[in-house]
């Protein structure tokens, strides 16, 4: 989804995020939305084959949270510390694990 953020941000990203002028609102919004669409699509695909049954509204809320956290991490200027190709998937996995498996 960071690829989509890059494409949309370069094309429509005139308005930059205040705390990181290299990132745009358009790119971040597209990452958030595309992250939700891809995750829900994959979950729907696997649920069709009976791998699991989901409460779709609750799942959408959890997926939106994971996508929001991933988008926030991607928007930070941390390239000097850790590459976002590592930080975004790592934080996404931790958030998804805690949201889907540890939440009550």
PDB file of N, CA and C in Angstrom:
ATOM      1  N   UNK A   1       0.811  -1.198   0.000  1.00  0.00           N
ATOM      2  CA  UNK A   1       0.000   0.000   0.000  1.00  0.00           C
ATOM      3  C   UNK A   1       0.854   1.261   0.000  1.00  0.00           C
ATOM      4  N   UNK A   2       2.116   1.153   0.394  1.00  0.00           N
ATOM      5  CA  UNK A   2       2.974   2.334   0.335  1.00  0.00           C
ATOM      6  C   UNK A   2       3.249   2.718  -1.111  1.00  0.00           C
ATOM      7  N   UNK A   3       3.201   1.754  -2.014  1.00  0.00           N
ATOM      8  CA  UNK A   3       3.363   2.056  -3.434  1.00  0.00           C
ATOM      9  C   UNK A   3       2.233   2.920  -3.950  1.00  0.00           C
ATOM     10  N   UNK A   4       1.014   2.604  -3.549  1.00  0.00           N
ATOM     11  CA  UNK A   4      -0.144   3.415  -3.927  1.00  0.00           C
ATOM     12  C   UNK A   4      -0.015   4.813  -3.328  1.00  0.00           C
ATOM     13  N   UNK A   5       0.426   4.893  -2.080  1.00  0.00           N
ATOM     14  CA  UNK A   5       0.608   6.195  -1.435  1.00  0.00           C
ATOM     15  C   UNK A   5       1.616   7.042  -2.212  1.00  0.00           C
ATOM     16  N   UNK A   6       2.672   6.416  -2.680  1.00  0.00           N
ATOM     17  CA  UNK A   6       3.691   7.127  -3.444  1.00  0.00           C
ATOM     18  C   UNK A   6       3.113   7.646  -4.763  1.00  0.00           C
ATOM     19  N   UNK A   7       2.398   6.794  -5.478  1.00  0.00           N
ATOM     20  CA  UNK A   7       1.830   7.188  -6.773  1.00  0.00           C
ATOM     21  C   UNK A   7       0.814   8.320  -6.597  1.00  0.00           C
ATOM     22  N   UNK A   8      -0.124   8.138  -5.687  1.00  0.00           N
ATOM     23  CA  UNK A   8      -1.159   9.158  -5.459  1.00  0.00           C
ATOM     24  C   UNK A   8      -0.534  10.436  -4.896  1.00  0.00           C
ATOM     25  N   UNK A   9       0.406  10.283  -3.983  1.00  0.00           N
ATOM     26  CA  UNK A   9       1.056  11.448  -3.398  1.00  0.00           C
ATOM     27  C   UNK A   9       1.820  12.273  -4.416  1.00  0.00           C
ATOM     28  N   UNK A  10       2.486  11.632  -5.336  1.00  0.00           N
ATOM     29  CA  UNK A  10       3.216  12.361  -6.374  1.00  0.00           C
ATOM     30  C   UNK A  10       2.268  13.079  -7.333  1.00  0.00           C
ATOM     31  N   UNK A  11       1.138  12.449  -7.614  1.00  0.00           N
ATOM     32  CA  UNK A  11       0.192  13.019  -8.581  1.00  0.00           C
ATOM     33  C   UNK A  11      -0.709  14.084  -7.970  1.00  0.00           C
ATOM     34  N   UNK A  12      -1.205  13.838  -6.765  1.00  0.00           N
ATOM     35  CA  UNK A  12      -2.196  14.724  -6.165  1.00  0.00           C
ATOM     36  C   UNK A  12      -1.757  15.331  -4.833  1.00  0.00           C
ATOM     37  N   UNK A  13      -0.505  15.184  -4.483  1.00  0.00           N
ATOM     38  CA  UNK A  13      -0.048  15.532  -3.146  1.00  0.00           C
ATOM     39  C   UNK A  13       0.491  16.932  -2.957  1.00  0.00           C
ATOM     40  N   UNK A  14      -0.265  17.923  -3.355  1.00  0.00           N
ATOM     41  CA  UNK A  14       0.189  19.307  -3.170  1.00  0.00           C
ATOM     42  C   UNK A  14       0.184  19.715  -1.705  1.00  0.00           C
ATOM     43  N   UNK A  15      -0.786  19.227  -0.948  1.00  0.00           N
ATOM     44  CA  UNK A  15      -0.892  19.596   0.469  1.00  0.00           C
ATOM     45  C   UNK A  15      -0.094  18.581   1.290  1.00  0.00           C
ATOM     46  N   UNK A  16       0.930  19.086   1.945  1.00  0.00           N
ATOM     47  CA  UNK A  16       1.838  18.218   2.704  1.00  0.00           C
ATOM     48  C   UNK A  16       1.395  18.082   4.160  1.00  0.00           C
ATOM     49  N   UNK A  17       1.842  17.001   4.776  1.00  0.00           N
ATOM     50  CA  UNK A  17       1.585  16.774   6.201  1.00  0.00           C
ATOM     51  C   UNK A  17       2.483  17.731   6.983  1.00  0.00           C
ATOM     52  N   UNK A  18       1.944  18.450   7.958  1.00  0.00           N
ATOM     53  CA  UNK A  18       2.734  19.477   8.667  1.00  0.00           C
ATOM     54  C   UNK A  18       4.031  18.968   9.298  1.00  0.00           C
ATOM     55  N   UNK A  19       4.029  17.775   9.842  1.00  0.00           N
ATOM     56  CA  UNK A  19       5.219  17.273  10.540  1.00  0.00           C
ATOM     57  C   UNK A  19       6.192  16.528   9.638  1.00  0.00           C
ATOM     58  N   UNK A  20       5.833  16.352   8.361  1.00  0.00           N
ATOM     59  CA  UNK A  20       6.740  15.712   7.409  1.00  0.00           C
ATOM     60  C   UNK A  20       6.423  16.242   6.016  1.00  0.00           C
ATOM     61  N   UNK A  21       7.164  17.212   5.587  1.00  0.00           N
ATOM     62  CA  UNK A  21       6.902  17.873   4.309  1.00  0.00           C
ATOM     63  C   UNK A  21       7.206  16.998   3.093  1.00  0.00           C
ATOM     64  N   UNK A  22       7.781  15.831   3.302  1.00  0.00           N
ATOM     65  CA  UNK A  22       8.018  14.900   2.189  1.00  0.00           C
ATOM     66  C   UNK A  22       6.815  14.003   1.937  1.00  0.00           C
ATOM     67  N   UNK A  23       5.847  14.017   2.836  1.00  0.00           N
ATOM     68  CA  UNK A  23       4.640  13.186   2.715  1.00  0.00           C
ATOM     69  C   UNK A  23       3.425  14.085   2.522  1.00  0.00           C
ATOM     70  N   UNK A  24       2.431  13.567   1.782  1.00  0.00           N
ATOM     71  CA  UNK A  24       1.240  14.367   1.509  1.00  0.00           C
ATOM     72  C   UNK A  24      -0.004  13.724   2.128  1.00  0.00           C
ATOM     73  N   UNK A  25      -1.016  14.569   2.311  1.00  0.00           N
ATOM     74  CA  UNK A  25      -2.298  14.068   2.806  1.00  0.00           C
ATOM     75  C   UNK A  25      -2.901  13.094   1.805  1.00  0.00           C
ATOM     76  N   UNK A  26      -2.801  13.402   0.523  1.00  0.00           N
ATOM     77  CA  UNK A  26      -3.391  12.532  -0.507  1.00  0.00           C
ATOM     78  C   UNK A  26      -2.753  11.146  -0.471  1.00  0.00           C
ATOM     79  N   UNK A  27      -1.444  11.093  -0.350  1.00  0.00           N
ATOM     80  CA  UNK A  27      -0.758   9.814  -0.277  1.00  0.00           C
ATOM     81  C   UNK A  27      -1.126   9.025   0.962  1.00  0.00           C
ATOM     82  N   UNK A  28      -1.203   9.722   2.087  1.00  0.00           N
ATOM     83  CA  UNK A  28      -1.543   9.048   3.345  1.00  0.00           C
ATOM     84  C   UNK A  28      -2.982   8.549   3.346  1.00  0.00           C
ATOM     85  N   UNK A  29      -3.894   9.355   2.847  1.00  0.00           N
ATOM     86  CA  UNK A  29      -5.296   8.926   2.778  1.00  0.00           C
ATOM     87  C   UNK A  29      -5.449   7.733   1.850  1.00  0.00           C
ATOM     88  N   UNK A  30      -4.731   7.758   0.727  1.00  0.00           N
ATOM     89  CA  UNK A  30      -4.820   6.619  -0.198  1.00  0.00           C
ATOM     90  C   UNK A  30      -4.216   5.363   0.419  1.00  0.00           C
ATOM     91  N   UNK A  31      -3.152   5.502   1.188  1.00  0.00           N
ATOM     92  CA  UNK A  31      -2.566   4.333   1.857  1.00  0.00           C
ATOM     93  C   UNK A  31      -3.547   3.745   2.857  1.00  0.00           C
ATOM     94  N   UNK A  32      -4.169   4.603   3.639  1.00  0.00           N
ATOM     95  CA  UNK A  32      -5.155   4.156   4.622  1.00  0.00           C
ATOM     96  C   UNK A  32      -6.305   3.419   3.938  1.00  0.00           C
ATOM     97  N   UNK A  33      -6.882   4.024   2.912  1.00  0.00           N
ATOM     98  CA  UNK A  33      -8.040   3.437   2.226  1.00  0.00           C
ATOM     99  C   UNK A  33      -7.666   2.146   1.496  1.00  0.00           C
ATOM    100  N   UNK A  34      -6.550   2.168   0.778  1.00  0.00           N
ATOM    101  CA  UNK A  34      -6.142   0.987   0.032  1.00  0.00           C
ATOM    102  C   UNK A  34      -5.759  -0.151   0.972  1.00  0.00           C
ATOM    103  N   UNK A  35      -5.170   0.182   2.116  1.00  0.00           N
ATOM    104  CA  UNK A  35      -4.846  -0.839   3.110  1.00  0.00           C
ATOM    105  C   UNK A  35      -6.085  -1.556   3.609  1.00  0.00           C
ATOM    106  N   UNK A  36      -7.135  -0.788   3.861  1.00  0.00           N
ATOM    107  CA  UNK A  36      -8.401  -1.388   4.294  1.00  0.00           C
ATOM    108  C   UNK A  36      -8.975  -2.270   3.189  1.00  0.00           C
ATOM    109  N   UNK A  37      -9.001  -1.755   1.964  1.00  0.00           N
ATOM    110  CA  UNK A  37      -9.577  -2.530   0.847  1.00  0.00           C
ATOM    111  C   UNK A  37      -8.837  -3.843   0.610  1.00  0.00           C
ATOM    112  N   UNK A  38      -7.527  -3.788   0.608  1.00  0.00           N
ATOM    113  CA  UNK A  38      -6.736  -5.003   0.361  1.00  0.00           C
ATOM    114  C   UNK A  38      -6.927  -6.009   1.495  1.00  0.00           C
ATOM    115  N   UNK A  39      -6.851  -5.544   2.734  1.00  0.00           N
ATOM    116  CA  UNK A  39      -6.991  -6.454   3.874  1.00  0.00           C
ATOM    117  C   UNK A  39      -8.380  -7.082   3.916  1.00  0.00           C
ATOM    118  N   UNK A  40      -9.418  -6.262   3.715  1.00  0.00           N
ATOM    119  CA  UNK A  40     -10.782  -6.810   3.732  1.00  0.00           C
ATOM    120  C   UNK A  40     -10.992  -7.775   2.564  1.00  0.00           C
ATOM    121  N   UNK A  41     -10.420  -7.455   1.429  1.00  0.00           N
ATOM    122  CA  UNK A  41     -10.519  -8.352   0.278  1.00  0.00           C
ATOM    123  C   UNK A  41      -9.868  -9.700   0.541  1.00  0.00           C
ATOM    124  N   UNK A  42      -8.700  -9.671   1.143  1.00  0.00           N
ATOM    125  CA  UNK A  42      -8.011 -10.923   1.455  1.00  0.00           C
ATOM    126  C   UNK A  42      -8.774 -11.722   2.509  1.00  0.00           C
ATOM    127  N   UNK A  43      -9.277 -11.042   3.524  1.00  0.00           N
ATOM    128  CA  UNK A  43     -10.047 -11.740   4.555  1.00  0.00           C
ATOM    129  C   UNK A  43     -11.324 -12.339   3.969  1.00  0.00           C
ATOM    130  N   UNK A  44     -11.984 -11.607   3.099  1.00  0.00           N
ATOM    131  CA  UNK A  44     -13.189 -12.121   2.453  1.00  0.00           C
ATOM    132  C   UNK A  44     -12.867 -13.346   1.594  1.00  0.00           C
ATOM    133  N   UNK A  45     -11.779 -13.265   0.843  1.00  0.00           N
ATOM    134  CA  UNK A  45     -11.365 -14.373  -0.021  1.00  0.00           C
ATOM    135  C   UNK A  45     -11.162 -15.654   0.790  1.00  0.00           C
ATOM    136  N   UNK A  46     -10.421 -15.556   1.882  1.00  0.00           N
ATOM    137  CA  UNK A  46     -10.159 -16.749   2.686  1.00  0.00           C
ATOM    138  C   UNK A  46     -11.392 -17.215   3.460  1.00  0.00           C
ATOM    139  N   UNK A  47     -12.264 -16.292   3.817  1.00  0.00           N
ATOM    140  CA  UNK A  47     -13.485 -16.706   4.514  1.00  0.00           C
ATOM    141  C   UNK A  47     -14.439 -17.439   3.567  1.00  0.00           C
ATOM    142  N   UNK A  48     -14.383 -17.124   2.270  1.00  0.00           N
ATOM    143  CA  UNK A  48     -15.222 -17.828   1.287  1.00  0.00           C
ATOM    144  C   UNK A  48     -14.907 -19.321   1.253  1.00  0.00           C
ATOM    145  N   UNK A  49     -13.666 -19.660   1.521  1.00  0.00           N
ATOM    146  CA  UNK A  49     -13.246 -21.056   1.497  1.00  0.00           C
ATOM    147  C   UNK A  49     -13.390 -21.732   2.854  1.00  0.00           C
ATOM    148  N   UNK A  50     -13.946 -21.016   3.813  1.00  0.00           N
ATOM    149  CA  UNK A  50     -14.241 -21.608   5.111  1.00  0.00           C
ATOM    150  C   UNK A  50     -13.089 -21.654   6.089  1.00  0.00           C
ATOM    151  N   UNK A  51     -12.038 -20.897   5.832  1.00  0.00           N
ATOM    152  CA  UNK A  51     -10.917 -20.907   6.764  1.00  0.00           C
ATOM    153  C   UNK A  51     -11.296 -20.294   8.105  1.00  0.00           C
ATOM    154  N   UNK A  52     -12.218 -19.326   8.084  1.00  0.00           N
ATOM    155  CA  UNK A  52     -12.697 -18.711   9.311  1.00  0.00           C
ATOM    156  C   UNK A  52     -13.996 -17.969   9.025  1.00  0.00           C
ATOM    157  N   UNK A  53     -14.715 -17.695  10.096  1.00  0.00           N
ATOM    158  CA  UNK A  53     -15.924 -16.887  10.012  1.00  0.00           C
ATOM    159  C   UNK A  53     -15.676 -15.614  10.794  1.00  0.00           C
ATOM    160  N   UNK A  54     -16.140 -14.493  10.249  1.00  0.00           N
ATOM    161  CA  UNK A  54     -15.856 -13.209  10.872  1.00  0.00           C
ATOM    162  C   UNK A  54     -17.126 -12.408  11.102  1.00  0.00           C
ATOM    163  N   UNK A  55     -17.098 -11.627  12.141  1.00  0.00           N
ATOM    164  CA  UNK A  55     -18.090 -10.572  12.325  1.00  0.00           C
ATOM    165  C   UNK A  55     -17.545  -9.392  11.508  1.00  0.00           C
ATOM    166  N   UNK A  56     -18.153  -9.111  10.370  1.00  0.00           N
ATOM    167  CA  UNK A  56     -17.566  -8.193   9.404  1.00  0.00           C
ATOM    168  C   UNK A  56     -17.467  -6.762   9.899  1.00  0.00           C
ATOM    169  N   UNK A  57     -18.412  -6.297  10.679  1.00  0.00           N
ATOM    170  CA  UNK A  57     -18.333  -4.933  11.194  1.00  0.00           C
ATOM    171  C   UNK A  57     -17.165  -4.805  12.175  1.00  0.00           C
ATOM    172  N   UNK A  58     -17.053  -5.767  13.072  1.00  0.00           N
ATOM    173  CA  UNK A  58     -15.946  -5.751  14.030  1.00  0.00           C
ATOM    174  C   UNK A  58     -14.604  -5.915  13.305  1.00  0.00           C
ATOM    175  N   UNK A  59     -14.576  -6.754  12.293  1.00  0.00           N
ATOM    176  CA  UNK A  59     -13.357  -6.951  11.513  1.00  0.00           C
ATOM    177  C   UNK A  59     -12.961  -5.665  10.792  1.00  0.00           C
ATOM    178  N   UNK A  60     -13.927  -4.974  10.217  1.00  0.00           N
ATOM    179  CA  UNK A  60     -13.648  -3.706   9.534  1.00  0.00           C
ATOM    180  C   UNK A  60     -13.056  -2.694  10.503  1.00  0.00           C
ATOM    181  N   UNK A  61     -13.585  -2.623  11.702  1.00  0.00           N
ATOM    182  CA  UNK A  61     -13.047  -1.704  12.705  1.00  0.00           C
ATOM    183  C   UNK A  61     -11.591  -2.037  13.041  1.00  0.00           C
ATOM    184  N   UNK A  62     -11.304  -3.310  13.207  1.00  0.00           N
ATOM    185  CA  UNK A  62      -9.941  -3.733  13.539  1.00  0.00           C
ATOM    186  C   UNK A  62      -8.992  -3.494  12.375  1.00  0.00           C
ATOM    187  N   UNK A  63      -9.443  -3.801  11.173  1.00  0.00           N
ATOM    188  CA  UNK A  63      -8.618  -3.574   9.988  1.00  0.00           C
ATOM    189  C   UNK A  63      -8.346  -2.081   9.806  1.00  0.00           C
ATOM    190  N   UNK A  64      -9.359  -1.253  10.054  1.00  0.00           N
ATOM    191  CA  UNK A  64      -9.175   0.200   9.950  1.00  0.00           C
ATOM    192  C   UNK A  64      -8.139   0.691  10.956  1.00  0.00           C
ATOM    193  N   UNK A  65      -8.157   0.134  12.164  1.00  0.00           N
ATOM    194  CA  UNK A  65      -7.164   0.510  13.168  1.00  0.00           C
ATOM    195  C   UNK A  65      -5.756   0.136  12.714  1.00  0.00           C
ATOM    196  N   UNK A  66      -5.592  -1.075  12.205  1.00  0.00           N
ATOM    197  CA  UNK A  66      -4.280  -1.516  11.726  1.00  0.00           C
ATOM    198  C   UNK A  66      -3.819  -0.619  10.578  1.00  0.00           C
ATOM    199  N   UNK A  67      -4.718  -0.309   9.667  1.00  0.00           N
ATOM    200  CA  UNK A  67      -4.376   0.552   8.537  1.00  0.00           C
ATOM    201  C   UNK A  67      -4.017   1.959   8.998  1.00  0.00           C
ATOM    202  N   UNK A  68      -4.723   2.468   9.994  1.00  0.00           N
ATOM    203  CA  UNK A  68      -4.423   3.796  10.525  1.00  0.00           C
ATOM    204  C   UNK A  68      -3.034   3.831  11.164  1.00  0.00           C
ATOM    205  N   UNK A  69      -2.724   2.834  11.962  1.00  0.00           N
ATOM    206  CA  UNK A  69      -1.406   2.773  12.603  1.00  0.00           C
ATOM    207  C   UNK A  69      -0.307   2.667  11.546  1.00  0.00           C
ATOM    208  N   UNK A  70      -0.512   1.825  10.540  1.00  0.00           N
ATOM    209  CA  UNK A  70       0.471   1.681   9.458  1.00  0.00           C
ATOM    210  C   UNK A  70       0.667   3.005   8.730  1.00  0.00           C
ATOM    211  N   UNK A  71      -0.429   3.707   8.483  1.00  0.00           N
ATOM    212  CA  UNK A  71      -0.351   4.991   7.793  1.00  0.00           C
ATOM    213  C   UNK A  71       0.395   6.023   8.638  1.00  0.00           C
ATOM    214  N   UNK A  72       0.130   6.056   9.920  1.00  0.00           N
ATOM    215  CA  UNK A  72       0.831   6.994  10.806  1.00  0.00           C
ATOM    216  C   UNK A  72       2.328   6.700  10.857  1.00  0.00           C
ATOM    217  N   UNK A  73       2.685   5.429  10.961  1.00  0.00           N
ATOM    218  CA  UNK A  73       4.100   5.057  10.999  1.00  0.00           C
ATOM    219  C   UNK A  73       4.776   5.435   9.682  1.00  0.00           C
ATOM    220  N   UNK A  74       4.086   5.201   8.571  1.00  0.00           N
ATOM    221  CA  UNK A  74       4.650   5.530   7.262  1.00  0.00           C
ATOM    222  C   UNK A  74       4.826   7.033   7.089  1.00  0.00           C
ATOM    223  N   UNK A  75       3.975   7.815   7.729  1.00  0.00           N
ATOM    224  CA  UNK A  75       4.047   9.265   7.573  1.00  0.00           C
ATOM    225  C   UNK A  75       5.158   9.907   8.397  1.00  0.00           C
ATOM    226  N   UNK A  76       5.695   9.176   9.359  1.00  0.00           N
ATOM    227  CA  UNK A  76       6.765   9.722  10.192  1.00  0.00           C
ATOM    228  C   UNK A  76       8.071   9.803   9.410  1.00  0.00           C
ATOM    229  N   UNK A  77       8.902  10.716   9.807  1.00  0.00           N
ATOM    230  CA  UNK A  77      10.205  10.870   9.159  1.00  0.00           C
ATOM    231  C   UNK A  77      11.228  10.064   9.943  1.00  0.00           C
ATOM    232  N   UNK A  78      11.253   8.751   9.701  1.00  0.00           N
ATOM    233  CA  UNK A  78      12.156   7.880  10.464  1.00  0.00           C
ATOM    234  C   UNK A  78      13.182   7.184   9.575  1.00  0.00           C
ATOM    235  N   UNK A  79      13.345   7.662   8.358  1.00  0.00           N
ATOM    236  CA  UNK A  79      14.241   6.992   7.414  1.00  0.00           C
ATOM    237  C   UNK A  79      15.676   6.925   7.935  1.00  0.00           C
ATOM    238  N   UNK A  80      16.052   7.887   8.754  1.00  0.00           N
ATOM    239  CA  UNK A  80      17.410   7.882   9.300  1.00  0.00           C
ATOM    240  C   UNK A  80      17.587   6.780  10.341  1.00  0.00           C
ATOM    241  N   UNK A  81      16.504   6.408  11.006  1.00  0.00           N
ATOM    242  CA  UNK A  81      16.557   5.422  12.077  1.00  0.00           C
ATOM    243  C   UNK A  81      16.268   4.022  11.542  1.00  0.00           C
ATOM    244  N   UNK A  82      15.115   3.875  10.874  1.00  0.00           N
ATOM    245  CA  UNK A  82      14.711   2.581  10.335  1.00  0.00           C
ATOM    246  C   UNK A  82      13.899   2.824   9.064  1.00  0.00           C
ATOM    247  N   UNK A  83      14.155   2.047   8.058  1.00  0.00           N
ATOM    248  CA  UNK A  83      13.457   2.181   6.785  1.00  0.00           C
ATOM    249  C   UNK A  83      11.986   1.826   6.947  1.00  0.00           C
ATOM    250  N   UNK A  84      11.103   2.574   6.279  1.00  0.00           N
ATOM    251  CA  UNK A  84       9.674   2.297   6.442  1.00  0.00           C
ATOM    252  C   UNK A  84       9.249   0.979   5.795  1.00  0.00           C
ATOM    253  N   UNK A  85      10.100   0.406   4.965  1.00  0.00           N
ATOM    254  CA  UNK A  85       9.813  -0.932   4.438  1.00  0.00           C
ATOM    255  C   UNK A  85       9.969  -2.006   5.511  1.00  0.00           C
ATOM    256  N   UNK A  86      10.584  -1.642   6.608  1.00  0.00           N
ATOM    257  CA  UNK A  86      10.702  -2.531   7.756  1.00  0.00           C
ATOM    258  C   UNK A  86       9.729  -2.110   8.858  1.00  0.00           C
ATOM    259  N   UNK A  87       9.688  -0.807   9.153  1.00  0.00           N
ATOM    260  CA  UNK A  87       8.866  -0.330  10.267  1.00  0.00           C
ATOM    261  C   UNK A  87       7.374  -0.506  10.025  1.00  0.00           C
ATOM    262  N   UNK A  88       6.899  -0.244   8.805  1.00  0.00           N
ATOM    263  CA  UNK A  88       5.455  -0.349   8.540  1.00  0.00           C
ATOM    264  C   UNK A  88       4.964  -1.795   8.662  1.00  0.00           C
ATOM    265  N   UNK A  89       5.595  -2.776   8.010  1.00  0.00           N
ATOM    266  CA  UNK A  89       5.119  -4.156   8.196  1.00  0.00           C
ATOM    267  C   UNK A  89       5.263  -4.654   9.636  1.00  0.00           C
ATOM    268  N   UNK A  90       6.336  -4.272  10.299  1.00  0.00           N
ATOM    269  CA  UNK A  90       6.554  -4.715  11.674  1.00  0.00           C
ATOM    270  C   UNK A  90       5.471  -4.167  12.601  1.00  0.00           C
ATOM    271  N   UNK A  91       5.218  -2.880  12.530  1.00  0.00           N
ATOM    272  CA  UNK A  91       4.189  -2.268  13.376  1.00  0.00           C
ATOM    273  C   UNK A  91       2.805  -2.790  12.991  1.00  0.00           C
ATOM    274  N   UNK A  92       2.583  -3.020  11.710  1.00  0.00           N
ATOM    275  CA  UNK A  92       1.294  -3.567  11.259  1.00  0.00           C
ATOM    276  C   UNK A  92       1.059  -4.958  11.826  1.00  0.00           C
ATOM    277  N   UNK A  93       2.086  -5.795  11.805  1.00  0.00           N
ATOM    278  CA  UNK A  93       1.946  -7.150  12.360  1.00  0.00           C
ATOM    279  C   UNK A  93       1.682  -7.115  13.860  1.00  0.00           C
ATOM    280  N   UNK A  94       2.396  -6.260  14.569  1.00  0.00           N
ATOM    281  CA  UNK A  94       2.201  -6.163  16.014  1.00  0.00           C
ATOM    282  C   UNK A  94       0.800  -5.644  16.329  1.00  0.00           C
ATOM    283  N   UNK A  95       0.365  -4.630  15.604  1.00  0.00           N
ATOM    284  CA  UNK A  95      -0.975  -4.073  15.826  1.00  0.00           C
ATOM    285  C   UNK A  95      -2.050  -5.092  15.484  1.00  0.00           C
ATOM    286  N   UNK A  96      -1.901  -5.787  14.366  1.00  0.00           N
ATOM    287  CA  UNK A  96      -2.876  -6.787  13.978  1.00  0.00           C
ATOM    288  C   UNK A  96      -2.943  -7.918  15.000  1.00  0.00           C
ATOM    289  N   UNK A  97      -1.781  -8.357  15.464  1.00  0.00           N
ATOM    290  CA  UNK A  97      -1.747  -9.434  16.451  1.00  0.00           C
ATOM    291  C   UNK A  97      -2.454  -9.014  17.736  1.00  0.00           C
ATOM    292  N   UNK A  98      -2.131  -7.834  18.234  1.00  0.00           N
ATOM    293  CA  UNK A  98      -2.742  -7.392  19.483  1.00  0.00           C
ATOM    294  C   UNK A  98      -4.245  -7.098  19.293  1.00  0.00           C
ATOM    295  N   UNK A  99      -4.610  -6.598  18.141  1.00  0.00           N
ATOM    296  CA  UNK A  99      -6.012  -6.254  17.888  1.00  0.00           C
ATOM    297  C   UNK A  99      -6.879  -7.490  17.668  1.00  0.00           C
ATOM    298  N   UNK A 100      -6.383  -8.441  16.878  1.00  0.00           N
ATOM    299  CA  UNK A 100      -7.200  -9.602  16.530  1.00  0.00           C
ATOM    300  C   UNK A 100      -7.094 -10.740  17.534  1.00  0.00           C
ATOM    301  N   UNK A 101      -5.940 -10.912  18.176  1.00  0.00           N
ATOM    302  CA  UNK A 101      -5.755 -12.100  19.010  1.00  0.00           C
ATOM    303  C   UNK A 101      -5.730 -11.819  20.510  1.00  0.00           C
ATOM    304  N   UNK A 102      -5.308 -10.629  20.893  1.00  0.00           N
ATOM    305  CA  UNK A 102      -5.192 -10.346  22.318  1.00  0.00           C
ATOM    306  C   UNK A 102      -6.351  -9.520  22.851  1.00  0.00           C
ATOM    307  N   UNK A 103      -7.111  -8.888  21.949  1.00  0.00           N
ATOM    308  CA  UNK A 103      -8.242  -8.060  22.384  1.00  0.00           C
ATOM    309  C   UNK A 103      -9.387  -8.965  22.819  1.00  0.00           C
ATOM    310  N   UNK A 104     -10.167  -8.466  23.725  1.00  0.00           N
ATOM    311  CA  UNK A 104     -11.275  -9.260  24.261  1.00  0.00           C
ATOM    312  C   UNK A 104     -12.517  -9.005  23.485  1.00  0.00           C
TER     313      UNK A 104
END
